[in-house]
C-alpha atoms as a PDB file:
ATOM      1  CA  UNK A   1      17.127  90.428  -9.139  1.00  0.00           C
ATOM      2  CA  UNK A   2      16.700  86.704  -9.857  1.00  0.00           C
ATOM      3  CA  UNK A   3      13.145  85.455 -10.217  1.00  0.00           C
ATOM      4  CA  UNK A   4      12.142  82.086  -8.620  1.00  0.00           C
ATOM      5  CA  UNK A   5      12.020  79.255 -11.083  1.00  0.00           C
ATOM      6  CA  UNK A   6       8.671  77.598 -11.573  1.00  0.00           C
ATOM      7  CA  UNK A   7       8.632  73.927 -12.539  1.00  0.00           C
ATOM      8  CA  UNK A   8       6.261  72.906 -15.198  1.00  0.00           C
ATOM      9  CA  UNK A   9       4.087  69.812 -14.811  1.00  0.00           C
ATOM     10  CA  UNK A  10       6.333  67.876 -17.184  1.00  0.00           C
ATOM     11  CA  UNK A  11       9.437  68.662 -15.193  1.00  0.00           C
ATOM     12  CA  UNK A  12       7.774  67.705 -11.907  1.00  0.00           C
ATOM     13  CA  UNK A  13       6.669  64.349 -13.313  1.00  0.00           C
ATOM     14  CA  UNK A  14      10.116  63.588 -14.558  1.00  0.00           C
ATOM     15  CA  UNK A  15      11.588  64.296 -11.129  1.00  0.00           C
ATOM     16  CA  UNK A  16       9.099  61.989  -9.429  1.00  0.00           C
ATOM     17  CA  UNK A  17       9.887  59.134 -11.810  1.00  0.00           C
ATOM     18  CA  UNK A  18      13.600  59.610 -11.218  1.00  0.00           C
ATOM     19  CA  UNK A  19      13.077  59.501  -7.464  1.00  0.00           C
ATOM     20  CA  UNK A  20      11.067  56.295  -7.761  1.00  0.00           C
ATOM     21  CA  UNK A  21      13.761  54.814  -9.974  1.00  0.00           C
ATOM     22  CA  UNK A  22      16.418  55.705  -7.458  1.00  0.00           C
ATOM     23  CA  UNK A  23      14.339  54.113  -4.672  1.00  0.00           C
ATOM     24  CA  UNK A  24      14.073  50.811  -6.563  1.00  0.00           C
ATOM     25  CA  UNK A  25      17.768  50.770  -7.294  1.00  0.00           C
ATOM     26  CA  UNK A  26      18.599  51.372  -3.663  1.00  0.00           C
ATOM     27  CA  UNK A  27      16.362  48.529  -2.506  1.00  0.00           C
ATOM     28  CA  UNK A  28      17.962  46.160  -4.960  1.00  0.00           C
ATOM     29  CA  UNK A  29      21.403  47.238  -3.845  1.00  0.00           C
ATOM     30  CA  UNK A  30      20.435  46.616  -0.216  1.00  0.00           C
ATOM     31  CA  UNK A  31      19.239  43.101  -0.982  1.00  0.00           C
ATOM     32  CA  UNK A  32      22.381  42.349  -2.911  1.00  0.00           C
ATOM     33  CA  UNK A  33      24.398  43.478   0.061  1.00  0.00           C
ATOM     34  CA  UNK A  34      22.376  41.244   2.383  1.00  0.00           C
ATOM     35  CA  UNK A  35      22.938  38.229   0.157  1.00  0.00           C
ATOM     36  CA  UNK A  36      26.641  38.999  -0.084  1.00  0.00           C
ATOM     37  CA  UNK A  37      26.863  39.140   3.699  1.00  0.00           C
ATOM     38  CA  UNK A  38      24.957  35.863   3.986  1.00  0.00           C
ATOM     39  CA  UNK A  39      27.224  34.155   1.491  1.00  0.00           C
ATOM     40  CA  UNK A  40      30.232  35.153   3.501  1.00  0.00           C
ATOM     41  CA  UNK A  41      28.678  33.976   6.766  1.00  0.00           C
ATOM     42  CA  UNK A  42      29.738  30.322   6.525  1.00  0.00           C
ATOM     43  CA  UNK A  43      29.850  28.384   9.770  1.00  0.00           C
ATOM     44  CA  UNK A  44      31.476  24.990  10.394  1.00  0.00           C
ATOM     45  CA  UNK A  45      30.186  22.726  13.151  1.00  0.00           C
ATOM     46  CA  UNK A  46      32.326  19.588  13.346  1.00  0.00           C
ATOM     47  CA  UNK A  47      31.981  18.011   9.875  1.00  0.00           C
ATOM     48  CA  UNK A  48      28.847  20.018   8.913  1.00  0.00           C
ATOM     49  CA  UNK A  49      28.838  23.292   6.987  1.00  0.00           C
ATOM     50  CA  UNK A  50      26.064  25.912   7.254  1.00  0.00           C
ATOM     51  CA  UNK A  51      25.196  29.286   5.775  1.00  0.00           C
ATOM     52  CA  UNK A  52      23.964  31.887   8.242  1.00  0.00           C
ATOM     53  CA  UNK A  53      21.140  33.720   6.444  1.00  0.00           C
ATOM     54  CA  UNK A  54      18.950  36.693   7.333  1.00  0.00           C
ATOM     55  CA  UNK A  55      15.489  36.025   8.846  1.00  0.00           C
ATOM     56  CA  UNK A  56      13.676  36.267   5.524  1.00  0.00           C
ATOM     57  CA  UNK A  57      15.789  33.457   4.043  1.00  0.00           C
ATOM     58  CA  UNK A  58      15.895  29.702   4.795  1.00  0.00           C
ATOM     59  CA  UNK A  59      18.937  28.045   6.338  1.00  0.00           C
ATOM     60  CA  UNK A  60      20.383  25.283   4.157  1.00  0.00           C
ATOM     61  CA  UNK A  61      23.028  22.704   4.886  1.00  0.00           C
ATOM     62  CA  UNK A  62      25.459  22.337   2.002  1.00  0.00           C
ATOM     63  CA  UNK A  63      27.502  19.556   3.617  1.00  0.00           C
ATOM     64  CA  UNK A  64      26.394  16.970   1.060  1.00  0.00           C
ATOM     65  CA  UNK A  65      27.134  19.280  -1.849  1.00  0.00           C
ATOM     66  CA  UNK A  66      30.626  20.014  -0.558  1.00  0.00           C
ATOM     67  CA  UNK A  67      31.305  16.302  -0.006  1.00  0.00           C
ATOM     68  CA  UNK A  68      30.018  15.468  -3.490  1.00  0.00           C
ATOM     69  CA  UNK A  69      32.464  17.964  -4.975  1.00  0.00           C
ATOM     70  CA  UNK A  70      35.383  16.509  -3.017  1.00  0.00           C
ATOM     71  CA  UNK A  71      37.843  13.914  -4.276  1.00  0.00           C
ATOM     72  CA  UNK A  72      36.600  11.352  -1.729  1.00  0.00           C
ATOM     73  CA  UNK A  73      33.657  10.997   0.686  1.00  0.00           C
ATOM     74  CA  UNK A  74      34.060  11.970   4.318  1.00  0.00           C
ATOM     75  CA  UNK A  75      33.528   8.356   5.478  1.00  0.00           C
ATOM     76  CA  UNK A  76      32.414   4.942   4.249  1.00  0.00           C
ATOM     77  CA  UNK A  77      28.669   4.374   3.957  1.00  0.00           C
ATOM     78  CA  UNK A  78      26.188   2.377   1.895  1.00  0.00           C
ATOM     79  CA  UNK A  79      24.955  -1.212   1.641  1.00  0.00           C
ATOM     80  CA  UNK A  80      26.530  -3.894  -0.522  1.00  0.00           C
ATOM     81  CA  UNK A  81      24.449  -6.961  -1.488  1.00  0.00           C
ATOM     82  CA  UNK A  82      26.495 -10.128  -2.114  1.00  0.00           C
ATOM     83  CA  UNK A  83      25.219 -13.267  -3.829  1.00  0.00           C
ATOM     84  CA  UNK A  84      27.436 -15.876  -2.165  1.00  0.00           C
ATOM     85  CA  UNK A  85      28.718 -16.376   1.351  1.00  0.00           C
ATOM     86  CA  UNK A  86      32.286 -16.522  -0.013  1.00  0.00           C
ATOM     87  CA  UNK A  87      31.900 -13.052  -1.574  1.00  0.00           C
ATOM     88  CA  UNK A  88      30.367 -11.801   1.672  1.00  0.00           C
ATOM     89  CA  UNK A  89      33.360 -13.001   3.667  1.00  0.00           C
ATOM     90  CA  UNK A  90      35.845 -11.614   1.138  1.00  0.00           C
ATOM     91  CA  UNK A  91      34.259  -8.155   1.251  1.00  0.00           C
ATOM     92  CA  UNK A  92      34.045  -7.766   5.026  1.00  0.00           C
ATOM     93  CA  UNK A  93      37.577  -9.082   5.567  1.00  0.00           C
ATOM     94  CA  UNK A  94      38.907  -6.695   2.915  1.00  0.00           C
ATOM     95  CA  UNK A  95      37.457  -3.702   4.768  1.00  0.00           C
ATOM     96  CA  UNK A  96      39.676  -4.402   7.797  1.00  0.00           C
ATOM     97  CA  UNK A  97      37.044  -3.178  10.249  1.00  0.00           C
ATOM     98  CA  UNK A  98      36.757  -6.250  12.468  1.00  0.00           C
ATOM     99  CA  UNK A  99      37.060  -4.176  15.677  1.00  0.00           C
ATOM    100  CA  UNK A 100      34.125  -1.924  14.788  1.00  0.00           C
ATOM    101  CA  UNK A 101      31.775  -4.504  13.281  1.00  0.00           C
ATOM    102  CA  UNK A 102      29.091  -7.014  14.175  1.00  0.00           C
ATOM    103  CA  UNK A 103      27.498  -9.604  11.910  1.00  0.00           C
ATOM    104  CA  UNK A 104      23.783 -10.233  12.489  1.00  0.00           C
ATOM    105  CA  UNK A 105      22.480 -13.665  11.480  1.00  0.00           C
ATOM    106  CA  UNK A 106      18.725 -13.904  10.911  1.00  0.00           C
ATOM    107  CA  UNK A 107      17.711 -17.580  10.382  1.00  0.00           C
ATOM    108  CA  UNK A 108      14.089 -16.638   9.619  1.00  0.00           C
ATOM    109  CA  UNK A 109      15.018 -14.425   6.657  1.00  0.00           C
ATOM    110  CA  UNK A 110      18.241 -16.360   6.004  1.00  0.00           C
ATOM    111  CA  UNK A 111      20.369 -13.220   5.946  1.00  0.00           C
ATOM    112  CA  UNK A 112      23.822 -12.276   7.177  1.00  0.00           C
ATOM    113  CA  UNK A 113      24.174  -8.514   7.717  1.00  0.00           C
ATOM    114  CA  UNK A 114      27.558  -7.045   8.571  1.00  0.00           C
ATOM    115  CA  UNK A 115      27.349  -3.585  10.154  1.00  0.00           C
ATOM    116  CA  UNK A 116      30.865  -2.286   9.615  1.00  0.00           C
ATOM    117  CA  UNK A 117      30.553   0.958  11.637  1.00  0.00           C
ATOM    118  CA  UNK A 118      28.701  -0.407  14.619  1.00  0.00           C
ATOM    119  CA  UNK A 119      28.310   0.761  18.238  1.00  0.00           C
ATOM    120  CA  UNK A 120      31.011  -1.407  19.791  1.00  0.00           C
ATOM    121  CA  UNK A 121      32.267  -1.107  23.345  1.00  0.00           C
ATOM    122  CA  UNK A 122      35.921  -0.866  22.334  1.00  0.00           C
ATOM    123  CA  UNK A 123      35.333   2.062  19.945  1.00  0.00           C
ATOM    124  CA  UNK A 124      35.947   5.593  21.330  1.00  0.00           C
ATOM    125  CA  UNK A 125      32.734   6.944  19.762  1.00  0.00           C
ATOM    126  CA  UNK A 126      29.404   5.594  18.551  1.00  0.00           C
ATOM    127  CA  UNK A 127      29.173   4.343  14.977  1.00  0.00           C
ATOM    128  CA  UNK A 128      26.835   5.579  12.280  1.00  0.00           C
ATOM    129  CA  UNK A 129      25.636   2.001  11.485  1.00  0.00           C
ATOM    130  CA  UNK A 130      25.102   2.859   7.816  1.00  0.00           C
ATOM    131  CA  UNK A 131      27.999   0.958   6.216  1.00  0.00           C
ATOM    132  CA  UNK A 132      26.773  -2.590   5.638  1.00  0.00           C
ATOM    133  CA  UNK A 133      27.204  -5.781   3.670  1.00  0.00           C
ATOM    134  CA  UNK A 134      24.281  -8.188   3.262  1.00  0.00           C
ATOM    135  CA  UNK A 135      24.115 -11.773   2.092  1.00  0.00           C
ATOM    136  CA  UNK A 136      20.716 -13.413   1.549  1.00  0.00           C
ATOM    137  CA  UNK A 137      20.656 -17.195   1.167  1.00  0.00           C
ATOM    138  CA  UNK A 138      18.193 -17.554  -1.711  1.00  0.00           C
ATOM    139  CA  UNK A 139      16.773 -20.974  -2.470  1.00  0.00           C
ATOM    140  CA  UNK A 140      18.114 -22.638  -5.592  1.00  0.00           C
ATOM    141  CA  UNK A 141      15.727 -23.110  -8.507  1.00  0.00           C
ATOM    142  CA  UNK A 142      15.715 -26.893  -8.165  1.00  0.00           C
ATOM    143  CA  UNK A 143      15.029 -26.976  -4.429  1.00  0.00           C
ATOM    144  CA  UNK A 144      12.417 -24.238  -4.709  1.00  0.00           C
ATOM    145  CA  UNK A 145      10.664 -26.412  -7.283  1.00  0.00           C
ATOM    146  CA  UNK A 146      10.524 -29.371  -4.883  1.00  0.00           C
ATOM    147  CA  UNK A 147       9.334 -27.142  -2.040  1.00  0.00           C
ATOM    148  CA  UNK A 148       6.532 -25.576  -4.114  1.00  0.00           C
ATOM    149  CA  UNK A 149       5.187 -29.002  -5.047  1.00  0.00           C
ATOM    150  CA  UNK A 150       5.576 -30.522  -1.583  1.00  0.00           C
ATOM    151  CA  UNK A 151       2.258 -32.155  -0.502  1.00  0.00           C
ATOM    152  CA  UNK A 152       0.627 -31.180  -3.794  1.00  0.00           C
ATOM    153  CA  UNK A 153      -1.775 -33.929  -4.875  1.00  0.00           C
ATOM    154  CA  UNK A 154      -1.353 -34.797  -8.560  1.00  0.00           C
ATOM    155  CA  UNK A 155      -3.172 -36.938 -11.036  1.00  0.00           C
ATOM    156  CA  UNK A 156      -1.353 -40.034 -12.269  1.00  0.00           C
ATOM    157  CA  UNK A 157      -0.078 -38.559 -15.530  1.00  0.00           C
ATOM    158  CA  UNK A 158       0.798 -35.192 -13.971  1.00  0.00           C
ATOM    159  CA  UNK A 159       2.883 -36.910 -11.304  1.00  0.00           C
ATOM    160  CA  UNK A 160       4.609 -39.079 -13.901  1.00  0.00           C
ATOM    161  CA  UNK A 161       5.581 -35.995 -15.912  1.00  0.00           C
ATOM    162  CA  UNK A 162       6.838 -34.250 -12.751  1.00  0.00           C
ATOM    163  CA  UNK A 163       9.066 -37.238 -11.923  1.00  0.00           C
ATOM    164  CA  UNK A 164      10.437 -37.374 -15.441  1.00  0.00           C
ATOM    165  CA  UNK A 165      11.183 -33.635 -15.540  1.00  0.00           C
ATOM    166  CA  UNK A 166      13.056 -33.742 -12.225  1.00  0.00           C
ATOM    167  CA  UNK A 167      14.616 -37.191 -12.396  1.00  0.00           C
ATOM    168  CA  UNK A 168      18.130 -35.686 -12.337  1.00  0.00           C
ATOM    169  CA  UNK A 169      17.590 -34.576  -8.719  1.00  0.00           C
ATOM    170  CA  UNK A 170      16.686 -38.048  -7.419  1.00  0.00           C
ATOM    171  CA  UNK A 171      19.572 -39.998  -5.869  1.00  0.00           C
ATOM    172  CA  UNK A 172      17.778 -42.806  -3.985  1.00  0.00           C
ATOM    173  CA  UNK A 173      16.630 -45.121  -5.448  1.00  0.00           C
ATOM    174  CA  UNK A 174      18.492 -44.577  -8.690  1.00  0.00           C
ATOM    175  CA  UNK A 175      17.082 -42.145 -11.169  1.00  0.00           C
ATOM    176  CA  UNK A 176      16.675 -45.002 -13.658  1.00  0.00           C
ATOM    177  CA  UNK A 177      14.414 -46.901 -11.249  1.00  0.00           C
ATOM    178  CA  UNK A 178      12.064 -43.960 -10.718  1.00  0.00           C
ATOM    179  CA  UNK A 179      12.211 -43.089 -14.388  1.00  0.00           C
ATOM    180  CA  UNK A 180      10.883 -46.558 -15.147  1.00  0.00           C
ATOM    181  CA  UNK A 181       8.049 -45.957 -12.673  1.00  0.00           C
ATOM    182  CA  UNK A 182       7.254 -42.636 -14.382  1.00  0.00           C
ATOM    183  CA  UNK A 183       7.158 -44.261 -17.812  1.00  0.00           C
ATOM    184  CA  UNK A 184       4.910 -47.038 -16.536  1.00  0.00           C
ATOM    185  CA  UNK A 185       2.504 -44.580 -14.968  1.00  0.00           C
ATOM    186  CA  UNK A 186       2.350 -42.629 -18.221  1.00  0.00           C
ATOM    187  CA  UNK A 187       1.622 -45.810 -20.172  1.00  0.00           C
ATOM    188  CA  UNK A 188      -1.120 -46.993 -17.804  1.00  0.00           C
ATOM    189  CA  UNK A 189      -3.382 -43.956 -17.786  1.00  0.00           C
ATOM    190  CA  UNK A 190      -6.378 -45.985 -19.007  1.00  0.00           C
ATOM    191  CA  UNK A 191      -6.204 -48.748 -16.405  1.00  0.00           C
ATOM    192  CA  UNK A 192      -8.321 -49.243 -13.306  1.00  0.00           C
ATOM    193  CA  UNK A 193      -6.331 -49.556 -10.093  1.00  0.00           C
ATOM    194  CA  UNK A 194      -7.992 -51.966  -7.708  1.00  0.00           C
ATOM    195  CA  UNK A 195      -5.549 -52.994  -4.997  1.00  0.00           C
ATOM    196  CA  UNK A 196      -2.413 -52.075  -3.139  1.00  0.00           C
ATOM    197  CA  UNK A 197      -0.119 -53.824  -0.693  1.00  0.00           C
ATOM    198  CA  UNK A 198       3.202 -53.226   0.983  1.00  0.00           C
ATOM    199  CA  UNK A 199       6.113 -55.421   0.023  1.00  0.00           C
ATOM    200  CA  UNK A 200       8.931 -56.702   2.213  1.00  0.00           C
ATOM    201  CA  UNK A 201      11.487 -54.598   0.326  1.00  0.00           C
ATOM    202  CA  UNK A 202       9.791 -51.378   1.437  1.00  0.00           C
ATOM    203  CA  UNK A 203       7.968 -50.734  -1.811  1.00  0.00           C
ATOM    204  CA  UNK A 204       4.246 -50.586  -2.499  1.00  0.00           C
ATOM    205  CA  UNK A 205       2.613 -52.695  -5.181  1.00  0.00           C
ATOM    206  CA  UNK A 206      -0.407 -51.281  -6.989  1.00  0.00           C
ATOM    207  CA  UNK A 207      -2.636 -53.774  -8.801  1.00  0.00           C
ATOM    208  CA  UNK A 208      -4.522 -52.741 -11.908  1.00  0.00           C
ATOM    209  CA  UNK A 209      -6.669 -54.138 -14.705  1.00  0.00           C
ATOM    210  CA  UNK A 210      -6.984 -52.868 -18.240  1.00  0.00           C
ATOM    211  CA  UNK A 211      -9.205 -53.536 -21.256  1.00  0.00           C
ATOM    212  CA  UNK A 212      -7.206 -54.509 -24.296  1.00  0.00           C
ATOM    213  CA  UNK A 213     -10.169 -55.505 -26.489  1.00  0.00           C
ATOM    214  CA  UNK A 214     -13.879 -55.678 -26.023  1.00  0.00           C
ATOM    215  CA  UNK A 215     -13.678 -59.337 -25.000  1.00  0.00           C
ATOM    216  CA  UNK A 216     -10.302 -59.724 -23.327  1.00  0.00           C
ATOM    217  CA  UNK A 217      -8.530 -57.813 -20.604  1.00  0.00           C
ATOM    218  CA  UNK A 218      -5.212 -57.787 -18.840  1.00  0.00           C
ATOM    219  CA  UNK A 219      -4.031 -57.270 -15.287  1.00  0.00           C
ATOM    220  CA  UNK A 220      -0.743 -56.300 -13.762  1.00  0.00           C
ATOM    221  CA  UNK A 221       1.135 -54.633 -10.933  1.00  0.00           C
ATOM    222  CA  UNK A 222       3.302 -51.553 -10.533  1.00  0.00           C
ATOM    223  CA  UNK A 223       5.927 -51.481  -7.775  1.00  0.00           C
ATOM    224  CA  UNK A 224       6.692 -48.002  -6.482  1.00  0.00           C
ATOM    225  CA  UNK A 225       9.047 -46.943  -3.663  1.00  0.00           C
ATOM    226  CA  UNK A 226       7.577 -45.649  -0.433  1.00  0.00           C
ATOM    227  CA  UNK A 227      10.516 -43.296   0.047  1.00  0.00           C
ATOM    228  CA  UNK A 228      13.070 -41.558  -2.116  1.00  0.00           C
ATOM    229  CA  UNK A 229      15.780 -38.923  -1.674  1.00  0.00           C
ATOM    230  CA  UNK A 230      16.784 -35.912  -3.704  1.00  0.00           C
ATOM    231  CA  UNK A 231      20.262 -34.426  -3.868  1.00  0.00           C
ATOM    232  CA  UNK A 232      20.130 -30.693  -4.607  1.00  0.00           C
ATOM    233  CA  UNK A 233      21.716 -27.387  -3.739  1.00  0.00           C
ATOM    234  CA  UNK A 234      19.511 -25.761  -1.125  1.00  0.00           C
ATOM    235  CA  UNK A 235      20.809 -22.253  -1.805  1.00  0.00           C
ATOM    236  CA  UNK A 236      22.068 -20.552  -4.943  1.00  0.00           C
ATOM    237  CA  UNK A 237      25.842 -20.941  -5.248  1.00  0.00           C
ATOM    238  CA  UNK A 238      25.699 -23.298  -2.267  1.00  0.00           C
ATOM    239  CA  UNK A 239      26.585 -26.882  -1.419  1.00  0.00           C
ATOM    240  CA  UNK A 240      24.451 -29.917  -2.238  1.00  0.00           C
ATOM    241  CA  UNK A 241      22.327 -31.623   0.422  1.00  0.00           C
ATOM    242  CA  UNK A 242      20.351 -34.851   0.552  1.00  0.00           C
ATOM    243  CA  UNK A 243      16.676 -34.421   1.425  1.00  0.00           C
ATOM    244  CA  UNK A 244      14.456 -37.445   2.032  1.00  0.00           C
ATOM    245  CA  UNK A 245      10.826 -37.653   0.946  1.00  0.00           C
ATOM    246  CA  UNK A 246       7.904 -40.025   1.447  1.00  0.00           C
ATOM    247  CA  UNK A 247       5.852 -41.014  -1.576  1.00  0.00           C
ATOM    248  CA  UNK A 248       2.101 -41.012  -0.905  1.00  0.00           C
ATOM    249  CA  UNK A 249      -0.827 -42.234  -2.963  1.00  0.00           C
ATOM    250  CA  UNK A 250      -4.600 -42.504  -2.779  1.00  0.00           C
ATOM    251  CA  UNK A 251      -6.834 -45.023  -4.584  1.00  0.00           C
ATOM    252  CA  UNK A 252     -10.417 -44.164  -5.490  1.00  0.00           C
ATOM    253  CA  UNK A 253     -12.848 -45.122  -8.256  1.00  0.00           C
ATOM    254  CA  UNK A 254     -10.160 -47.024 -10.078  1.00  0.00           C
ATOM    255  CA  UNK A 255      -7.849 -44.001 -10.176  1.00  0.00           C
ATOM    256  CA  UNK A 256      -4.717 -43.265  -8.211  1.00  0.00           C
ATOM    257  CA  UNK A 257      -3.374 -39.904  -7.131  1.00  0.00           C
ATOM    258  CA  UNK A 258       0.161 -39.241  -5.946  1.00  0.00           C
ATOM    259  CA  UNK A 259       2.040 -36.713  -3.883  1.00  0.00           C
ATOM    260  CA  UNK A 260       5.238 -36.563  -1.865  1.00  0.00           C
ATOM    261  CA  UNK A 261       6.133 -35.089   1.508  1.00  0.00           C
ATOM    262  CA  UNK A 262       9.638 -33.780   2.126  1.00  0.00           C
ATOM    263  CA  UNK A 263      11.024 -34.999   5.433  1.00  0.00           C
ATOM    264  CA  UNK A 264      11.535 -31.957   7.684  1.00  0.00           C
ATOM    265  CA  UNK A 265      12.767 -29.704   4.918  1.00  0.00           C
ATOM    266  CA  UNK A 266      12.823 -26.726   7.312  1.00  0.00           C
ATOM    267  CA  UNK A 267      15.385 -28.492   9.479  1.00  0.00           C
ATOM    268  CA  UNK A 268      17.625 -29.154   6.487  1.00  0.00           C
ATOM    269  CA  UNK A 269      17.403 -25.469   5.486  1.00  0.00           C
ATOM    270  CA  UNK A 270      18.251 -24.411   9.044  1.00  0.00           C
ATOM    271  CA  UNK A 271      21.220 -26.792   9.109  1.00  0.00           C
ATOM    272  CA  UNK A 272      22.519 -25.403   5.822  1.00  0.00           C
ATOM    273  CA  UNK A 273      22.179 -21.794   7.018  1.00  0.00           C
ATOM    274  CA  UNK A 274      23.913 -22.674  10.303  1.00  0.00           C
ATOM    275  CA  UNK A 275      26.908 -23.725   8.205  1.00  0.00           C
ATOM    276  CA  UNK A 276      26.989 -20.184   6.772  1.00  0.00           C
ATOM    277  CA  UNK A 277      26.862 -18.727  10.288  1.00  0.00           C
ATOM    278  CA  UNK A 278      29.818 -20.936  11.251  1.00  0.00           C
ATOM    279  CA  UNK A 279      31.706 -19.715   8.177  1.00  0.00           C
ATOM    280  CA  UNK A 280      31.076 -16.074   9.139  1.00  0.00           C
ATOM    281  CA  UNK A 281      32.232 -16.764  12.703  1.00  0.00           C
ATOM    282  CA  UNK A 282      35.399 -18.412  11.401  1.00  0.00           C
ATOM    283  CA  UNK A 283      36.304 -15.138   9.689  1.00  0.00           C
ATOM    284  CA  UNK A 284      36.983 -13.632  13.122  1.00  0.00           C
ATOM    285  CA  UNK A 285      33.964 -11.319  13.326  1.00  0.00           C
ATOM    286  CA  UNK A 286      31.517 -11.293  16.227  1.00  0.00           C
ATOM    287  CA  UNK A 287      28.302 -12.945  15.013  1.00  0.00           C
ATOM    288  CA  UNK A 288      25.001 -12.236  16.755  1.00  0.00           C
ATOM    289  CA  UNK A 289      21.727 -14.035  16.051  1.00  0.00           C
ATOM    290  CA  UNK A 290      19.087 -11.400  15.360  1.00  0.00           C
ATOM    291  CA  UNK A 291      18.367  -8.320  13.289  1.00  0.00           C
ATOM    292  CA  UNK A 292      20.544  -5.178  13.114  1.00  0.00           C
END
């Protein structure tokens, strides 16, 4: 007759460890199965792709990853910044999207923004509005220089140096005439200005006296124009414009200080930007004044 088998402590412990090991392996297998099911549970909603995951996992859209791995994007998007109005026009015309686009002209920021997938009435569906081309009319270096120094009061020598450095921009009177004024002002820094009067030719005559020696002195006059004009490009890569300016001065304690005041520079800038708006309109696109 067979006797019942009695397990020793060592055998019992080994069985318990094996059971625990089997339990861990089963749990891991279950999780692997869950992940495999989730990976297979791909759902497509229009152009978006989703994974359907169990409650303990997080849902993640992989639309962008799939598009990035494709040969081409799903649609056009992005913003292109152009540095001339001619390049701006060339780009938007090349896209061939005139029926789904608006151009927004912002005179305050001097920008033209073409939204090439806009909400237009003729389109069957709304646009994403994220495919754009932008042109910003940046001031040219030379005109920005004149604007920054507009109404800035300068000492005699400082003003003379400013005129000499920017003489190439002056078109009326001739650059040579104002250059002669600049050289005279530089040479007469030690004189005492005592009088001023307006001349019939529109200029102003400043009278001065100077000490040549301890016992003898000299006197003279400097004729300066009351107005002048600069001819500069207002915008980078843009056309040249004539901007008028009034030359101002102030006498005090034998010294003279100068400054100039540009004549309605804001209006000239607005006129120049309006020409860009007209150019955009001539391309056949609908141009709206405002911000997109």
